[in-house]
Amino acid sequence: MLCNVKVSIHNKSEIVEVLYFAQLAVMVHADDINEDDNDEEFKYIDNEIYHFVTIAMVSVYSCPDPELLQKSAQTVWSCTYHGNEALQLVSMKMIHSVVTMVPHCPKLPSGLVEDHFFLVEKPGLGLVSVDEEMGDDADKDE
């Protein structure tokens, strides 16, 4: 199952599609382990110490169309998808939030019409509010 997330790549916030997750075994030198480190984080195999790092293979969306972003008062993030041309590995720790990228085909201010995706942050949050309101009404009926 693919999902879209907001991540930090080189200290910049990016929208990406996660293709898959994996764990990498990274060799650790004994000198690099602190007393504060949790011993359960490390695996000891044949006198070598390993730490497992969870990573994600992602495809980075383009930056939002600058004209559309400016004309919409910074509210419509309309991006293009580059698929395998924009692959990167990121640490799972760099993932900030889950987002939705909704397909649309806008006529851009330049007059160009092409396939884009627009950003929806906190998808489903409105449904939670509706459920809460309906739950309150249902309690009154009883």
Protein backbone atom coordinates (compact mmCIF):
# COMPACT_ATOMS: atom_id res chain seq x y z
CA MET A 1 0.00 0.00 0.00
CA LEU A 2 1.40 3.37 -1.00
CA CYS A 3 0.96 6.47 1.11
CA ASN A 4 1.92 10.11 0.93
CA VAL A 5 3.77 11.82 3.76
CA LYS A 6 5.49 15.08 4.61
CA VAL A 7 9.21 14.56 5.36
CA SER A 8 12.39 16.55 5.96
CA ILE A 9 15.04 16.11 3.28
CA HIS A 10 18.18 18.22 3.73
CA ASN A 11 16.32 20.43 6.28
CA LYS A 12 13.57 21.17 3.73
CA SER A 13 9.97 19.99 4.02
CA GLU A 14 8.96 17.81 1.05
CA ILE A 15 5.85 15.87 0.02
CA VAL A 16 6.67 12.30 -1.01
CA GLU A 17 5.01 9.03 -1.92
CA VAL A 18 6.33 6.11 0.15
CA LEU A 19 7.03 3.10 -2.06
CA TYR A 20 8.24 0.76 0.70
CA PHE A 21 9.92 0.56 4.09
CA ALA A 22 13.04 -1.46 4.91
CA GLN A 23 15.46 -1.98 7.77
CA LEU A 24 19.20 -1.67 7.25
CA ALA A 25 21.79 -3.22 9.55
CA VAL A 26 24.44 -0.62 10.30
CA MET A 27 27.69 -1.70 11.95
CA VAL A 28 28.45 0.27 15.11
CA HIS A 29 31.85 0.64 16.75
CA ALA A 30 31.91 -0.08 20.48
CA ASP A 31 33.42 3.40 21.06
CA ASP A 32 30.27 4.99 19.63
CA ILE A 33 27.94 3.40 22.19
CA ASN A 34 27.08 5.57 25.20
CA GLU A 35 26.07 4.39 28.65
CA ASP A 36 22.68 6.03 28.03
CA ASP A 37 21.98 3.94 24.92
CA ASN A 38 19.39 1.20 25.29
CA ASP A 39 21.21 -2.15 24.94
CA GLU A 40 18.12 -3.65 23.27
CA GLU A 41 18.67 -1.37 20.25
CA PHE A 42 21.83 -3.29 19.31
CA LYS A 43 22.37 -6.80 17.96
CA TYR A 44 25.63 -8.59 18.73
CA ILE A 45 26.73 -11.05 16.02
CA ASP A 46 30.21 -12.66 16.02
CA ASN A 47 31.82 -9.88 18.09
CA GLU A 48 30.33 -7.22 15.83
CA ILE A 49 27.67 -4.73 16.92
CA TYR A 50 24.77 -3.75 14.65
CA HIS A 51 22.03 -1.16 14.94
CA PHE A 52 18.97 -1.42 12.71
CA VAL A 53 17.76 1.73 10.96
CA THR A 54 14.28 1.91 9.39
CA ILE A 55 14.26 3.73 6.06
CA ALA A 56 11.69 4.48 3.37
CA MET A 57 12.15 4.51 -0.40
CA VAL A 58 10.19 7.55 -1.57
CA SER A 59 9.37 9.44 -4.73
CA VAL A 60 9.48 13.22 -4.24
CA TYR A 61 6.69 15.39 -5.67
CA SER A 62 7.65 18.66 -7.37
CA CYS A 63 7.52 21.97 -5.58
CA PRO A 64 4.07 23.56 -5.86
CA ASP A 65 3.29 25.57 -8.98
CA PRO A 66 4.51 29.05 -7.95
CA GLU A 67 1.89 31.07 -9.87
CA LEU A 68 -1.04 29.01 -8.61
CA LEU A 69 0.35 29.11 -5.07
CA GLN A 70 0.68 32.89 -5.20
CA LYS A 71 -2.77 33.46 -6.77
CA SER A 72 -4.39 31.20 -4.14
CA ALA A 73 -2.79 33.10 -1.23
CA GLN A 74 -0.49 30.13 -0.47
CA THR A 75 -3.42 27.69 -0.06
CA VAL A 76 -3.33 25.49 -3.19
CA TRP A 77 -0.24 23.30 -3.33
CA SER A 78 -0.48 21.83 -6.83
CA CYS A 79 2.44 19.52 -7.64
CA THR A 80 3.52 17.12 -10.35
CA TYR A 81 4.54 13.52 -9.72
CA HIS A 82 7.90 12.33 -11.08
CA GLY A 83 7.77 8.63 -10.18
CA ASN A 84 11.06 6.76 -10.52
CA GLU A 85 12.88 9.91 -11.66
CA ALA A 86 12.72 11.37 -8.13
CA LEU A 87 13.60 8.43 -5.87
CA GLN A 88 15.31 8.99 -2.52
CA LEU A 89 15.95 7.08 0.69
CA VAL A 90 14.86 8.79 3.91
CA SER A 91 15.02 7.81 7.55
CA MET A 92 11.65 6.93 9.05
CA LYS A 93 12.46 9.48 11.78
CA MET A 94 12.23 12.24 9.16
CA ILE A 95 8.51 11.59 8.52
CA HIS A 96 6.35 14.39 10.00
CA SER A 97 2.80 13.53 9.00
CA VAL A 98 0.55 11.61 6.62
CA VAL A 99 -1.00 13.70 3.85
CA THR A 100 -3.19 13.10 0.82
CA MET A 101 -2.31 14.06 -2.74
CA VAL A 102 -5.54 14.35 -4.74
CA PRO A 103 -5.31 14.10 -8.54
CA HIS A 104 -6.60 17.08 -10.51
CA CYS A 105 -6.05 18.66 -13.92
CA PRO A 106 -6.02 22.43 -13.43
CA LYS A 107 -5.68 25.12 -16.04
CA LEU A 108 -2.61 26.86 -14.67
CA PRO A 109 -2.22 30.66 -14.83
CA SER A 110 0.22 30.10 -17.73
CA GLY A 111 -2.70 28.52 -19.69
CA LEU A 112 -1.14 25.04 -19.53
CA VAL A 113 -3.42 22.13 -18.61
CA GLU A 114 -1.64 19.09 -17.15
CA ASP A 115 -2.02 16.34 -14.58
CA HIS A 116 -1.24 17.56 -11.07
CA PHE A 117 -1.89 16.54 -7.47
CA PHE A 118 -3.02 18.95 -4.77
CA LEU A 119 -2.06 18.62 -1.13
CA VAL A 120 -4.58 17.88 1.63
CA GLU A 121 -3.07 17.92 5.11
CA LYS A 122 -4.77 16.16 8.03
CA PRO A 123 -7.05 14.06 5.81
CA GLY A 124 -10.17 12.83 7.59
CA LEU A 125 -9.97 15.43 10.35
CA GLY A 126 -13.31 16.91 9.28
CA LEU A 127 -14.93 13.48 9.50
CA VAL A 128 -13.85 13.18 13.13
CA SER A 129 -15.64 16.46 13.92
CA VAL A 130 -18.80 15.30 12.12
CA ASP A 131 -18.77 11.98 13.99
CA GLU A 132 -18.37 13.77 17.31
CA GLU A 133 -21.30 16.10 16.54
CA MET A 134 -23.50 13.19 15.44
CA GLY A 135 -22.50 11.25 18.55
CA ASP A 136 -23.65 14.13 20.75
CA ASP A 137 -27.05 14.27 18.98
CA ALA A 138 -27.49 10.49 19.25
CA ASP A 139 -26.89 10.67 23.00
CA LYS A 140 -29.65 13.30 23.37
CA ASP A 141 -32.14 11.10 21.51
CA GLU A 142 -31.72 8.26 24.02
